Amino acid sequence: MNDHAWFADAWTALLHGPADGRASQEAARLGARAADQGLHVHELVDGALAAGAAWWNAAHPGTAATAQSRIQDPFGTTRALLSAALTGYAEQTRAELDRHDTQRTAFVNDLLTGRTDPGRLAERAHRYGIRLSAAHTVLVARAEGLTPDIVHRIDAGLAARFGEGNTLTTLRNGDLVCISAGGLRGLSAELAHRLLSELGAGRWQIGVGRTHPGLQGLATSLDEAHNTLEHAGRLGFTTPILNAADLLVFPVLLRDRDAIIDLVTTVLGPLATARGGARPYLDTLAVLFDNHGNYTATARQMHLSVRAVTYRLDRIRALTGYHPAEPTQRFTLDAAVLGARLLDWPTE
């Protein structure tokens, strides 16, 4: 007898019982039990139909009145009971998935915050293929329209691509968080591909922390991924994948907040006295630096003439004494503009 023979026996007994509301309830219970014991849905349907066929073949004219009444509608009973069983199966599957999600989210929270006993955490980590002493990388994807079902599909896709135990993906505080073994090549590109397939273009952005060893390294990598996305938002970066290693200058700028405030107010402060305020000039400098000092590209992006860009830069020199065409002044201006964007100056 195979592991799932119990289902065929139980279904046969159900078909021979009275066709009433209790039969539907029992069918739903059988469906839930099938899901709980790992019976695949096609095995459930096949077993139910096989039992129904056997029951139909055993029912002949001249049998008991209950069998005779069922013969008048040979598939109605099986169809109704199978529908109830599939409902029970789906509800049990969803409940199990929700329980799994809850446990996984709790584990990831404990893993990334380090608030749980390390010994107990190591036991739980083993279940997910994570070795706390190894090096890991944390990726955070911020997106519109992320749902648990989307995250499930992405998690399964990444596991299939990189192997079970090498990635752990969950939904945390509205963001997709992926913990990966250190050194997985192509992971951020694969995650981007799957987000593109699920959500389309322009609706998501990925921050990739650096690879760090140990339990504390996980929290550090997570912070780097989060900070990368925060900096990108303030600076207006729209690149789909942002690596913390490429943006190390911004934590350096913000490490001494008083110094960066002094730089911004000293270098750019006089722009606040200009007609129309500092914003048009600040935007011009930001776009100019993004375009590597190319006036034509800057004018095209801002929908201005080259003459208008030149006028604004001349006004900046007149007000501040700095001009981006001067090699010794370019770096100071660039750092001041980055600082202003990080501080949201002059709004704040």
C-alpha atoms as a PDB file:
ATOM      1  CA  MET A   1       0.000   0.000   0.000  1.00  0.00           C
ATOM      2  CA  ASN A   2       1.479   3.411  -0.956  1.00  0.00           C
ATOM      3  CA  ASP A   3       1.694   6.360   1.425  1.00  0.00           C
ATOM      4  CA  HIS A   4      -1.466   7.964   0.006  1.00  0.00           C
ATOM      5  CA  ALA A   5      -3.701   4.866  -0.160  1.00  0.00           C
ATOM      6  CA  TRP A   6      -5.534   6.182   2.881  1.00  0.00           C
ATOM      7  CA  PHE A   7      -7.056   8.901   0.713  1.00  0.00           C
ATOM      8  CA  ALA A   8      -8.601   6.455  -1.788  1.00  0.00           C
ATOM      9  CA  ASP A   9     -10.026   4.369   1.056  1.00  0.00           C
ATOM     10  CA  ALA A  10     -11.431   7.407   2.863  1.00  0.00           C
ATOM     11  CA  TRP A  11     -12.898   8.792  -0.369  1.00  0.00           C
ATOM     12  CA  THR A  12     -14.573   5.471  -1.206  1.00  0.00           C
ATOM     13  CA  ALA A  13     -16.135   5.367   2.256  1.00  0.00           C
ATOM     14  CA  LEU A  14     -17.324   8.925   1.777  1.00  0.00           C
ATOM     15  CA  LEU A  15     -19.024   8.056  -1.532  1.00  0.00           C
ATOM     16  CA  HIS A  16     -20.860   5.153   0.089  1.00  0.00           C
ATOM     17  CA  GLY A  17     -22.198   7.381   2.845  1.00  0.00           C
ATOM     18  CA  PRO A  18     -25.202   9.704   2.734  1.00  0.00           C
ATOM     19  CA  ALA A  19     -24.923  12.619   0.290  1.00  0.00           C
ATOM     20  CA  ASP A  20     -25.616  15.506   2.690  1.00  0.00           C
ATOM     21  CA  GLY A  21     -23.930  18.546   4.176  1.00  0.00           C
ATOM     22  CA  ARG A  22     -21.824  16.432   6.475  1.00  0.00           C
ATOM     23  CA  ALA A  23     -20.335  14.686   3.435  1.00  0.00           C
ATOM     24  CA  SER A  24     -19.098  18.032   2.080  1.00  0.00           C
ATOM     25  CA  GLN A  25     -17.566  18.885   5.452  1.00  0.00           C
ATOM     26  CA  GLU A  26     -15.815  15.524   5.560  1.00  0.00           C
ATOM     27  CA  ALA A  27     -14.563  16.042   1.996  1.00  0.00           C
ATOM     28  CA  ALA A  28     -13.092  19.408   3.009  1.00  0.00           C
ATOM     29  CA  ARG A  29     -11.390  17.759   5.985  1.00  0.00           C
ATOM     30  CA  LEU A  30      -9.953  15.088   3.693  1.00  0.00           C
ATOM     31  CA  GLY A  31      -8.623  17.808   1.379  1.00  0.00           C
ATOM     32  CA  ALA A  32      -6.976  19.634   4.294  1.00  0.00           C
ATOM     33  CA  ARG A  33      -5.428  16.374   5.534  1.00  0.00           C
ATOM     34  CA  ALA A  34      -4.123  15.649   2.024  1.00  0.00           C
ATOM     35  CA  ALA A  35      -2.410  19.039   1.919  1.00  0.00           C
ATOM     36  CA  ASP A  36      -1.003  18.551   5.427  1.00  0.00           C
ATOM     37  CA  GLN A  37       0.498  15.167   4.480  1.00  0.00           C
ATOM     38  CA  GLY A  38       2.064  16.380   1.243  1.00  0.00           C
ATOM     39  CA  LEU A  39      -0.386  14.851  -1.228  1.00  0.00           C
ATOM     40  CA  HIS A  40      -0.016  16.724  -4.519  1.00  0.00           C
ATOM     41  CA  VAL A  41      -3.215  18.208  -5.889  1.00  0.00           C
ATOM     42  CA  HIS A  42      -3.085  16.028  -9.027  1.00  0.00           C
ATOM     43  CA  GLU A  43      -2.827  12.953  -6.766  1.00  0.00           C
ATOM     44  CA  LEU A  44      -5.857  14.162  -4.841  1.00  0.00           C
ATOM     45  CA  VAL A  45      -7.908  14.599  -8.021  1.00  0.00           C
ATOM     46  CA  ASP A  46      -6.702  11.299  -9.501  1.00  0.00           C
ATOM     47  CA  GLY A  47      -7.521   9.417  -6.297  1.00  0.00           C
ATOM     48  CA  ALA A  48     -10.964  10.987  -6.034  1.00  0.00           C
ATOM     49  CA  LEU A  49     -11.853  10.230  -9.655  1.00  0.00           C
ATOM     50  CA  ALA A  50     -10.520   6.658  -9.430  1.00  0.00           C
ATOM     51  CA  ALA A  51     -12.597   6.022  -6.316  1.00  0.00           C
ATOM     52  CA  GLY A  52     -15.600   7.619  -8.023  1.00  0.00           C
ATOM     53  CA  ALA A  53     -15.174   5.371 -11.063  1.00  0.00           C
ATOM     54  CA  ALA A  54     -14.961   2.285  -8.852  1.00  0.00           C
ATOM     55  CA  TRP A  55     -18.061   3.377  -6.959  1.00  0.00           C
ATOM     56  CA  TRP A  56     -19.931   3.970 -10.254  1.00  0.00           C
ATOM     57  CA  ASN A  57     -18.985   0.570 -11.670  1.00  0.00           C
ATOM     58  CA  ALA A  58     -20.178  -1.111  -8.494  1.00  0.00           C
ATOM     59  CA  ALA A  59     -23.578   0.577  -8.662  1.00  0.00           C
ATOM     60  CA  HIS A  60     -26.024  -1.375 -10.867  1.00  0.00           C
ATOM     61  CA  PRO A  61     -29.791  -1.130 -11.391  1.00  0.00           C
ATOM     62  CA  GLY A  62     -31.631  -3.103  -8.801  1.00  0.00           C
ATOM     63  CA  THR A  63     -29.279  -2.195  -5.956  1.00  0.00           C
ATOM     64  CA  ALA A  64     -30.296  -0.344  -2.829  1.00  0.00           C
ATOM     65  CA  ALA A  65     -32.393   2.797  -3.138  1.00  0.00           C
ATOM     66  CA  THR A  66     -29.515   5.119  -2.200  1.00  0.00           C
ATOM     67  CA  ALA A  67     -27.302   3.702  -4.972  1.00  0.00           C
ATOM     68  CA  GLN A  68     -30.201   3.875  -7.434  1.00  0.00           C
ATOM     69  CA  SER A  69     -30.745   7.560  -6.680  1.00  0.00           C
ATOM     70  CA  ARG A  70     -27.063   8.315  -7.221  1.00  0.00           C
ATOM     71  CA  ILE A  71     -27.051   6.485 -10.568  1.00  0.00           C
ATOM     72  CA  GLN A  72     -29.520   9.084 -11.822  1.00  0.00           C
ATOM     73  CA  ASP A  73     -26.741  11.664 -11.426  1.00  0.00           C
ATOM     74  CA  PRO A  74     -23.517   9.652 -11.737  1.00  0.00           C
ATOM     75  CA  PHE A  75     -21.076  12.604 -11.587  1.00  0.00           C
ATOM     76  CA  GLY A  76     -22.944  15.129  -9.468  1.00  0.00           C
ATOM     77  CA  THR A  77     -21.912  13.682  -6.115  1.00  0.00           C
ATOM     78  CA  THR A  78     -18.278  13.206  -7.061  1.00  0.00           C
ATOM     79  CA  ARG A  79     -18.088  16.716  -8.499  1.00  0.00           C
ATOM     80  CA  ALA A  80     -19.588  18.356  -5.390  1.00  0.00           C
ATOM     81  CA  LEU A  81     -17.402  16.418  -2.986  1.00  0.00           C
ATOM     82  CA  LEU A  82     -14.263  16.983  -5.043  1.00  0.00           C
ATOM     83  CA  SER A  83     -14.959  20.725  -5.064  1.00  0.00           C
ATOM     84  CA  ALA A  84     -15.243  20.689  -1.275  1.00  0.00           C
ATOM     85  CA  ALA A  85     -12.030  18.657  -0.979  1.00  0.00           C
ATOM     86  CA  LEU A  86     -10.103  21.076  -3.180  1.00  0.00           C
ATOM     87  CA  THR A  87     -11.373  23.992  -1.110  1.00  0.00           C
ATOM     88  CA  GLY A  88     -10.133  22.310   2.047  1.00  0.00           C
ATOM     89  CA  TYR A  89      -6.822  21.536   0.353  1.00  0.00           C
ATOM     90  CA  ALA A  90      -6.333  25.148  -0.743  1.00  0.00           C
ATOM     91  CA  GLU A  91      -7.233  26.549   2.689  1.00  0.00           C
ATOM     92  CA  GLN A  92      -4.810  24.191   4.423  1.00  0.00           C
ATOM     93  CA  THR A  93      -2.066  25.021   1.921  1.00  0.00           C
ATOM     94  CA  ARG A  94      -2.590  28.735   2.478  1.00  0.00           C
ATOM     95  CA  ALA A  95      -2.587  28.283   6.262  1.00  0.00           C
ATOM     96  CA  GLU A  96       0.665  26.323   6.063  1.00  0.00           C
ATOM     97  CA  LEU A  97       2.174  28.967   3.800  1.00  0.00           C
ATOM     98  CA  ASP A  98       1.127  31.726   6.191  1.00  0.00           C
ATOM     99  CA  ARG A  99       2.647  29.826   9.117  1.00  0.00           C
ATOM    100  CA  HIS A 100       5.855  29.328   7.151  1.00  0.00           C
ATOM    101  CA  ASP A 101       5.931  33.036   6.229  1.00  0.00           C
ATOM    102  CA  THR A 102       5.442  34.049   9.859  1.00  0.00           C
ATOM    103  CA  GLN A 103       8.270  31.800  11.026  1.00  0.00           C
ATOM    104  CA  ARG A 104      10.571  32.941   8.231  1.00  0.00           C
ATOM    105  CA  THR A 105       9.884  36.636   8.855  1.00  0.00           C
ATOM    106  CA  ALA A 106      10.448  36.186  12.592  1.00  0.00           C
ATOM    107  CA  PHE A 107      13.715  34.372  11.913  1.00  0.00           C
ATOM    108  CA  VAL A 108      14.952  37.056   9.506  1.00  0.00           C
ATOM    109  CA  ASN A 109      14.044  39.789  12.012  1.00  0.00           C
ATOM    110  CA  ASP A 110      15.929  37.988  14.786  1.00  0.00           C
ATOM    111  CA  LEU A 111      18.841  37.298  12.437  1.00  0.00           C
ATOM    112  CA  LEU A 112      19.214  40.895  11.305  1.00  0.00           C
ATOM    113  CA  THR A 113      18.652  42.504  14.704  1.00  0.00           C
ATOM    114  CA  GLY A 114      20.657  39.981  16.741  1.00  0.00           C
ATOM    115  CA  ARG A 115      18.239  40.165  19.666  1.00  0.00           C
ATOM    116  CA  THR A 116      18.004  36.364  20.101  1.00  0.00           C
ATOM    117  CA  ASP A 117      20.351  33.967  21.870  1.00  0.00           C
ATOM    118  CA  PRO A 118      23.074  33.072  19.324  1.00  0.00           C
ATOM    119  CA  GLY A 119      22.865  29.363  20.114  1.00  0.00           C
ATOM    120  CA  ARG A 120      19.132  29.223  19.503  1.00  0.00           C
ATOM    121  CA  LEU A 121      19.528  31.411  16.419  1.00  0.00           C
ATOM    122  CA  ALA A 122      22.172  29.057  15.010  1.00  0.00           C
ATOM    123  CA  GLU A 123      19.770  26.107  15.370  1.00  0.00           C
ATOM    124  CA  ARG A 124      17.073  27.953  13.455  1.00  0.00           C
ATOM    125  CA  ALA A 125      19.571  29.193  10.856  1.00  0.00           C
ATOM    126  CA  HIS A 126      20.563  25.612  10.064  1.00  0.00           C
ATOM    127  CA  ARG A 127      16.995  24.974   8.853  1.00  0.00           C
ATOM    128  CA  TYR A 128      17.443  27.651   6.184  1.00  0.00           C
ATOM    129  CA  GLY A 129      20.966  26.635   5.193  1.00  0.00           C
ATOM    130  CA  ILE A 130      22.599  29.668   6.810  1.00  0.00           C
ATOM    131  CA  ARG A 131      25.927  29.358   8.665  1.00  0.00           C
ATOM    132  CA  LEU A 132      26.272  32.296  11.015  1.00  0.00           C
ATOM    133  CA  SER A 133      30.067  32.168  10.895  1.00  0.00           C
ATOM    134  CA  ALA A 134      30.153  32.550   7.105  1.00  0.00           C
ATOM    135  CA  ALA A 135      30.115  35.749   5.058  1.00  0.00           C
ATOM    136  CA  HIS A 136      26.789  36.997   3.689  1.00  0.00           C
ATOM    137  CA  THR A 137      25.418  39.774   1.522  1.00  0.00           C
ATOM    138  CA  VAL A 138      22.052  41.448   2.085  1.00  0.00           C
ATOM    139  CA  LEU A 139      20.051  42.908  -0.787  1.00  0.00           C
ATOM    140  CA  VAL A 140      16.991  45.115  -0.264  1.00  0.00           C
ATOM    141  CA  ALA A 141      14.485  45.792  -3.028  1.00  0.00           C
ATOM    142  CA  ARG A 142      12.052  48.680  -2.627  1.00  0.00           C
ATOM    143  CA  ALA A 143       9.107  48.463  -4.975  1.00  0.00           C
ATOM    144  CA  GLU A 144       5.507  49.417  -5.563  1.00  0.00           C
ATOM    145  CA  GLY A 145       3.121  46.486  -5.583  1.00  0.00           C
ATOM    146  CA  LEU A 146       5.189  43.907  -3.700  1.00  0.00           C
ATOM    147  CA  THR A 147       2.994  41.126  -2.303  1.00  0.00           C
ATOM    148  CA  PRO A 148       3.743  37.895  -0.406  1.00  0.00           C
ATOM    149  CA  ASP A 149       2.885  35.866  -3.522  1.00  0.00           C
ATOM    150  CA  ILE A 150       5.377  37.827  -5.636  1.00  0.00           C
ATOM    151  CA  VAL A 151       8.062  37.370  -2.993  1.00  0.00           C
ATOM    152  CA  HIS A 152       7.302  33.626  -2.873  1.00  0.00           C
ATOM    153  CA  ARG A 153       7.820  33.334  -6.609  1.00  0.00           C
ATOM    154  CA  ILE A 154      11.025  35.331  -6.493  1.00  0.00           C
ATOM    155  CA  ASP A 155      12.306  33.267  -3.570  1.00  0.00           C
ATOM    156  CA  ALA A 156      11.604  30.032  -5.437  1.00  0.00           C
ATOM    157  CA  GLY A 157      13.222  31.387  -8.604  1.00  0.00           C
ATOM    158  CA  LEU A 158      16.399  32.481  -6.809  1.00  0.00           C
ATOM    159  CA  ALA A 159      16.625  29.147  -4.979  1.00  0.00           C
ATOM    160  CA  ALA A 160      16.277  27.289  -8.271  1.00  0.00           C
ATOM    161  CA  ARG A 161      18.942  29.468  -9.884  1.00  0.00           C
ATOM    162  CA  PHE A 162      21.522  29.530  -7.080  1.00  0.00           C
ATOM    163  CA  GLY A 163      20.636  26.431  -5.058  1.00  0.00           C
ATOM    164  CA  GLU A 164      18.627  25.819  -1.883  1.00  0.00           C
ATOM    165  CA  GLY A 165      20.296  27.319   1.157  1.00  0.00           C
ATOM    166  CA  ASN A 166      22.265  29.947  -0.782  1.00  0.00           C
ATOM    167  CA  THR A 167      19.498  32.553  -0.712  1.00  0.00           C
ATOM    168  CA  LEU A 168      16.734  33.411   1.755  1.00  0.00           C
ATOM    169  CA  THR A 169      14.157  35.925   0.567  1.00  0.00           C
ATOM    170  CA  THR A 170      11.268  37.392   2.544  1.00  0.00           C
ATOM    171  CA  LEU A 171       9.032  40.458   2.838  1.00  0.00           C
ATOM    172  CA  ARG A 172      10.122  42.710   5.709  1.00  0.00           C
ATOM    173  CA  ASN A 173       8.572  46.093   6.530  1.00  0.00           C
ATOM    174  CA  GLY A 174       7.236  46.348   2.984  1.00  0.00           C
ATOM    175  CA  ASP A 175      10.627  45.690   1.355  1.00  0.00           C
ATOM    176  CA  LEU A 176      11.955  42.526  -0.224  1.00  0.00           C
ATOM    177  CA  VAL A 177      14.997  41.393   1.772  1.00  0.00           C
ATOM    178  CA  CYS A 178      17.326  38.757   0.335  1.00  0.00           C
ATOM    179  CA  ILE A 179      20.104  37.224   2.418  1.00  0.00           C
ATOM    180  CA  SER A 180      22.644  35.424   0.278  1.00  0.00           C
ATOM    181  CA  ALA A 181      25.847  33.507   0.749  1.00  0.00           C
ATOM    182  CA  GLY A 182      28.799  35.774   0.059  1.00  0.00           C
ATOM    183  CA  GLY A 183      30.243  35.788  -3.416  1.00  0.00           C
ATOM    184  CA  LEU A 184      27.210  34.663  -5.450  1.00  0.00           C
ATOM    185  CA  ARG A 185      27.845  36.077  -8.907  1.00  0.00           C
ATOM    186  CA  GLY A 186      24.906  37.516 -10.821  1.00  0.00           C
ATOM    187  CA  LEU A 187      22.481  37.540  -7.872  1.00  0.00           C
ATOM    188  CA  SER A 188      21.543  41.228  -8.107  1.00  0.00           C
ATOM    189  CA  ALA A 189      21.031  40.915 -11.874  1.00  0.00           C
ATOM    190  CA  GLU A 190      18.830  37.838 -11.411  1.00  0.00           C
ATOM    191  CA  LEU A 191      16.781  39.591  -8.728  1.00  0.00           C
ATOM    192  CA  ALA A 192      16.384  42.595 -11.040  1.00  0.00           C
ATOM    193  CA  HIS A 193      15.243  40.309 -13.866  1.00  0.00           C
ATOM    194  CA  ARG A 194      12.577  38.747 -11.673  1.00  0.00           C
ATOM    195  CA  LEU A 195      11.350  42.103 -10.354  1.00  0.00           C
ATOM    196  CA  LEU A 196      11.127  43.330 -13.929  1.00  0.00           C
ATOM    197  CA  SER A 197       9.072  40.260 -14.893  1.00  0.00           C
ATOM    198  CA  GLU A 198       6.746  40.656 -11.906  1.00  0.00           C
ATOM    199  CA  LEU A 199       6.349  44.441 -11.690  1.00  0.00           C
ATOM    200  CA  GLY A 200       7.595  45.959 -14.919  1.00  0.00           C
ATOM    201  CA  ALA A 201      10.205  48.681 -15.365  1.00  0.00           C
ATOM    202  CA  GLY A 202      10.638  51.810 -13.262  1.00  0.00           C
ATOM    203  CA  ARG A 203       8.777  50.554 -10.196  1.00  0.00           C
ATOM    204  CA  TRP A 204      11.617  49.108  -8.122  1.00  0.00           C
ATOM    205  CA  GLN A 205      15.193  49.680  -7.029  1.00  0.00           C
ATOM    206  CA  ILE A 206      17.707  47.345  -5.408  1.00  0.00           C
ATOM    207  CA  GLY A 207      20.271  48.294  -2.777  1.00  0.00           C
ATOM    208  CA  VAL A 208      23.142  45.836  -2.360  1.00  0.00           C
ATOM    209  CA  GLY A 209      25.108  45.833   0.885  1.00  0.00           C
ATOM    210  CA  ARG A 210      28.730  44.769   1.025  1.00  0.00           C
ATOM    211  CA  THR A 211      29.681  41.216   2.005  1.00  0.00           C
ATOM    212  CA  HIS A 212      30.550  40.850   5.698  1.00  0.00           C
ATOM    213  CA  PRO A 213      31.292  37.849   7.934  1.00  0.00           C
ATOM    214  CA  GLY A 214      29.413  36.727  10.995  1.00  0.00           C
ATOM    215  CA  LEU A 215      26.154  37.698  12.655  1.00  0.00           C
ATOM    216  CA  GLN A 216      27.074  41.360  13.050  1.00  0.00           C
ATOM    217  CA  GLY A 217      28.055  41.430   9.391  1.00  0.00           C
ATOM    218  CA  LEU A 218      24.463  40.625   8.391  1.00  0.00           C
ATOM    219  CA  ALA A 219      23.131  43.674  10.238  1.00  0.00           C
ATOM    220  CA  THR A 220      25.904  45.827   8.746  1.00  0.00           C
ATOM    221  CA  SER A 221      25.151  44.662   5.206  1.00  0.00           C
ATOM    222  CA  LEU A 222      21.433  45.306   5.757  1.00  0.00           C
ATOM    223  CA  ASP A 223      22.134  48.854   6.990  1.00  0.00           C
ATOM    224  CA  GLU A 224      24.323  49.500   3.963  1.00  0.00           C
ATOM    225  CA  ALA A 225      21.616  48.284   1.574  1.00  0.00           C
ATOM    226  CA  HIS A 226      18.980  50.446   3.301  1.00  0.00           C
ATOM    227  CA  ASN A 227      21.238  53.506   3.400  1.00  0.00           C
ATOM    228  CA  THR A 228      22.064  53.073  -0.270  1.00  0.00           C
ATOM    229  CA  LEU A 229      18.368  53.253  -1.148  1.00  0.00           C
ATOM    230  CA  GLU A 230      17.861  56.251   1.158  1.00  0.00           C
ATOM    231  CA  HIS A 231      20.758  58.135  -0.413  1.00  0.00           C
ATOM    232  CA  ALA A 232      19.509  57.271  -3.894  1.00  0.00           C
ATOM    233  CA  GLY A 233      16.105  58.699  -3.030  1.00  0.00           C
ATOM    234  CA  ARG A 234      17.578  61.960  -1.777  1.00  0.00           C
ATOM    235  CA  LEU A 235      19.988  62.303  -4.670  1.00  0.00           C
ATOM    236  CA  GLY A 236      17.443  61.366  -7.322  1.00  0.00           C
ATOM    237  CA  PHE A 237      19.377  58.320  -8.556  1.00  0.00           C
ATOM    238  CA  THR A 238      17.177  56.085 -10.713  1.00  0.00           C
ATOM    239  CA  THR A 239      19.697  53.326 -11.453  1.00  0.00           C
ATOM    240  CA  PRO A 240      17.896  49.982 -10.860  1.00  0.00           C
ATOM    241  CA  ILE A 241      20.797  48.369  -8.974  1.00  0.00           C
ATOM    242  CA  LEU A 242      22.868  50.383  -6.508  1.00  0.00           C
ATOM    243  CA  ASN A 243      25.890  48.917  -4.723  1.00  0.00           C
ATOM    244  CA  ALA A 244      26.880  50.284  -1.329  1.00  0.00           C
ATOM    245  CA  ALA A 245      30.527  49.887  -2.328  1.00  0.00           C
ATOM    246  CA  ASP A 246      29.996  52.444  -5.111  1.00  0.00           C
ATOM    247  CA  LEU A 247      28.451  55.049  -2.807  1.00  0.00           C
ATOM    248  CA  LEU A 248      30.889  55.079   0.115  1.00  0.00           C
ATOM    249  CA  VAL A 249      31.453  58.804  -0.302  1.00  0.00           C
ATOM    250  CA  PHE A 250      27.969  59.619   1.020  1.00  0.00           C
ATOM    251  CA  PRO A 251      28.354  58.043   4.482  1.00  0.00           C
ATOM    252  CA  VAL A 252      31.683  59.885   4.673  1.00  0.00           C
ATOM    253  CA  LEU A 253      29.946  63.174   3.854  1.00  0.00           C
ATOM    254  CA  LEU A 254      27.240  62.593   6.450  1.00  0.00           C
ATOM    255  CA  ARG A 255      29.566  61.289   9.165  1.00  0.00           C
ATOM    256  CA  ASP A 256      30.363  64.864  10.193  1.00  0.00           C
ATOM    257  CA  ARG A 257      27.016  66.594   9.742  1.00  0.00           C
ATOM    258  CA  ASP A 258      28.253  69.904  11.153  1.00  0.00           C
ATOM    259  CA  ALA A 259      31.071  69.986   8.620  1.00  0.00           C
ATOM    260  CA  ILE A 260      28.815  69.287   5.637  1.00  0.00           C
ATOM    261  CA  ILE A 261      26.295  71.908   6.817  1.00  0.00           C
ATOM    262  CA  ASP A 262      29.150  74.410   7.070  1.00  0.00           C
ATOM    263  CA  LEU A 263      30.312  73.498   3.550  1.00  0.00           C
ATOM    264  CA  VAL A 264      26.834  73.860   2.047  1.00  0.00           C
ATOM    265  CA  THR A 265      26.003  77.165   3.727  1.00  0.00           C
ATOM    266  CA  THR A 266      29.426  78.658   3.031  1.00  0.00           C
ATOM    267  CA  VAL A 267      29.684  77.647  -0.626  1.00  0.00           C
ATOM    268  CA  LEU A 268      26.046  77.643  -1.735  1.00  0.00           C
ATOM    269  CA  GLY A 269      24.375  79.860   0.852  1.00  0.00           C
ATOM    270  CA  PRO A 270      24.664  83.056  -1.252  1.00  0.00           C
ATOM    271  CA  LEU A 271      22.472  81.411  -3.943  1.00  0.00           C
ATOM    272  CA  ALA A 272      19.495  81.817  -1.596  1.00  0.00           C
ATOM    273  CA  THR A 273      19.627  85.584  -2.262  1.00  0.00           C
ATOM    274  CA  ALA A 274      19.194  85.151  -6.017  1.00  0.00           C
ATOM    275  CA  ARG A 275      15.918  85.976  -7.708  1.00  0.00           C
ATOM    276  CA  GLY A 276      13.869  82.787  -7.697  1.00  0.00           C
ATOM    277  CA  GLY A 277      15.949  81.297  -4.884  1.00  0.00           C
ATOM    278  CA  ALA A 278      18.736  78.757  -4.894  1.00  0.00           C
ATOM    279  CA  ARG A 279      16.844  75.828  -6.412  1.00  0.00           C
ATOM    280  CA  PRO A 280      17.301  76.607 -10.175  1.00  0.00           C
ATOM    281  CA  TYR A 281      21.037  77.097  -9.711  1.00  0.00           C
ATOM    282  CA  LEU A 282      21.424  74.039  -7.518  1.00  0.00           C
ATOM    283  CA  ASP A 283      19.554  71.925 -10.085  1.00  0.00           C
ATOM    284  CA  THR A 284      21.758  73.271 -12.871  1.00  0.00           C
ATOM    285  CA  LEU A 285      24.927  72.322 -10.990  1.00  0.00           C
ATOM    286  CA  ALA A 286      23.558  68.855 -10.163  1.00  0.00           C
ATOM    287  CA  VAL A 287      22.665  68.103 -13.790  1.00  0.00           C
ATOM    288  CA  LEU A 288      25.984  69.565 -14.998  1.00  0.00           C
ATOM    289  CA  PHE A 289      27.976  67.268 -12.692  1.00  0.00           C
ATOM    290  CA  ASP A 290      25.795  64.284 -13.664  1.00  0.00           C
ATOM    291  CA  ASN A 291      26.732  65.017 -17.281  1.00  0.00           C
ATOM    292  CA  HIS A 292      30.459  65.356 -16.528  1.00  0.00           C
ATOM    293  CA  GLY A 293      30.495  69.091 -17.164  1.00  0.00           C
ATOM    294  CA  ASN A 294      28.946  68.914 -20.642  1.00  0.00           C
ATOM    295  CA  TYR A 295      26.987  72.143 -21.224  1.00  0.00           C
ATOM    296  CA  THR A 296      25.096  70.833 -24.261  1.00  0.00           C
ATOM    297  CA  ALA A 297      23.899  67.688 -22.499  1.00  0.00           C
ATOM    298  CA  THR A 298      22.945  69.731 -19.443  1.00  0.00           C
ATOM    299  CA  ALA A 299      20.903  72.161 -21.549  1.00  0.00           C
ATOM    300  CA  ARG A 300      19.157  69.298 -23.359  1.00  0.00           C
ATOM    301  CA  GLN A 301      18.249  67.511 -20.129  1.00  0.00           C
ATOM    302  CA  MET A 302      16.935  70.693 -18.513  1.00  0.00           C
ATOM    303  CA  HIS A 303      15.118  71.850 -21.671  1.00  0.00           C
ATOM    304  CA  LEU A 304      17.162  75.054 -21.720  1.00  0.00           C
ATOM    305  CA  SER A 305      19.430  76.710 -24.232  1.00  0.00           C
ATOM    306  CA  VAL A 306      23.186  76.447 -23.806  1.00  0.00           C
ATOM    307  CA  ARG A 307      23.195  80.233 -23.356  1.00  0.00           C
ATOM    308  CA  ALA A 308      20.758  79.906 -20.419  1.00  0.00           C
ATOM    309  CA  VAL A 309      23.006  77.293 -18.776  1.00  0.00           C
ATOM    310  CA  THR A 310      26.042  79.513 -19.272  1.00  0.00           C
ATOM    311  CA  TYR A 311      24.166  82.487 -17.768  1.00  0.00           C
ATOM    312  CA  ARG A 312      23.239  80.486 -14.660  1.00  0.00           C
ATOM    313  CA  LEU A 313      26.824  79.324 -14.159  1.00  0.00           C
ATOM    314  CA  ASP A 314      28.065  82.891 -14.503  1.00  0.00           C
ATOM    315  CA  ARG A 315      25.511  83.989 -11.909  1.00  0.00           C
ATOM    316  CA  ILE A 316      26.740  81.240  -9.576  1.00  0.00           C
ATOM    317  CA  ARG A 317      30.280  82.582  -9.894  1.00  0.00           C
ATOM    318  CA  ALA A 318      29.070  86.146  -9.273  1.00  0.00           C
ATOM    319  CA  LEU A 319      27.157  85.151  -6.139  1.00  0.00           C
ATOM    320  CA  THR A 320      29.448  82.529  -4.621  1.00  0.00           C
ATOM    321  CA  GLY A 321      32.866  83.085  -6.162  1.00  0.00           C
ATOM    322  CA  TYR A 322      32.911  79.462  -7.373  1.00  0.00           C
ATOM    323  CA  HIS A 323      32.659  78.166 -10.951  1.00  0.00           C
ATOM    324  CA  PRO A 324      32.660  74.512 -12.082  1.00  0.00           C
ATOM    325  CA  ALA A 325      34.977  75.329 -14.989  1.00  0.00           C
ATOM    326  CA  GLU A 326      37.759  76.104 -12.504  1.00  0.00           C
ATOM    327  CA  PRO A 327      39.572  72.786 -11.723  1.00  0.00           C
ATOM    328  CA  THR A 328      40.415  73.831  -8.167  1.00  0.00           C
ATOM    329  CA  GLN A 329      36.811  74.829  -7.456  1.00  0.00           C
ATOM    330  CA  ARG A 330      34.982  71.982  -9.175  1.00  0.00           C
ATOM    331  CA  PHE A 331      35.491  69.427  -6.399  1.00  0.00           C
ATOM    332  CA  THR A 332      34.360  71.865  -3.700  1.00  0.00           C
ATOM    333  CA  LEU A 333      31.237  72.745  -5.666  1.00  0.00           C
ATOM    334  CA  ASP A 334      30.509  69.077  -6.425  1.00  0.00           C
ATOM    335  CA  ALA A 335      30.861  68.075  -2.757  1.00  0.00           C
ATOM    336  CA  ALA A 336      28.676  71.017  -1.677  1.00  0.00           C
ATOM    337  CA  VAL A 337      25.955  70.061  -4.191  1.00  0.00           C
ATOM    338  CA  LEU A 338      26.018  66.421  -3.027  1.00  0.00           C
ATOM    339  CA  GLY A 339      25.787  67.623   0.568  1.00  0.00           C
ATOM    340  CA  ALA A 340      22.861  69.896  -0.282  1.00  0.00           C
ATOM    341  CA  ARG A 341      21.008  67.038  -1.939  1.00  0.00           C
ATOM    342  CA  LEU A 342      21.646  64.739   1.024  1.00  0.00           C
ATOM    343  CA  LEU A 343      20.461  67.414   3.467  1.00  0.00           C
ATOM    344  CA  ASP A 344      17.554  68.439   1.199  1.00  0.00           C
ATOM    345  CA  TRP A 345      18.866  72.006   1.228  1.00  0.00           C
ATOM    346  CA  PRO A 346      17.476  74.632   0.787  1.00  0.00           C
ATOM    347  CA  THR A 347      14.096  73.064   1.704  1.00  0.00           C
ATOM    348  CA  GLU A 348      15.512  72.053   5.091  1.00  0.00           C
END
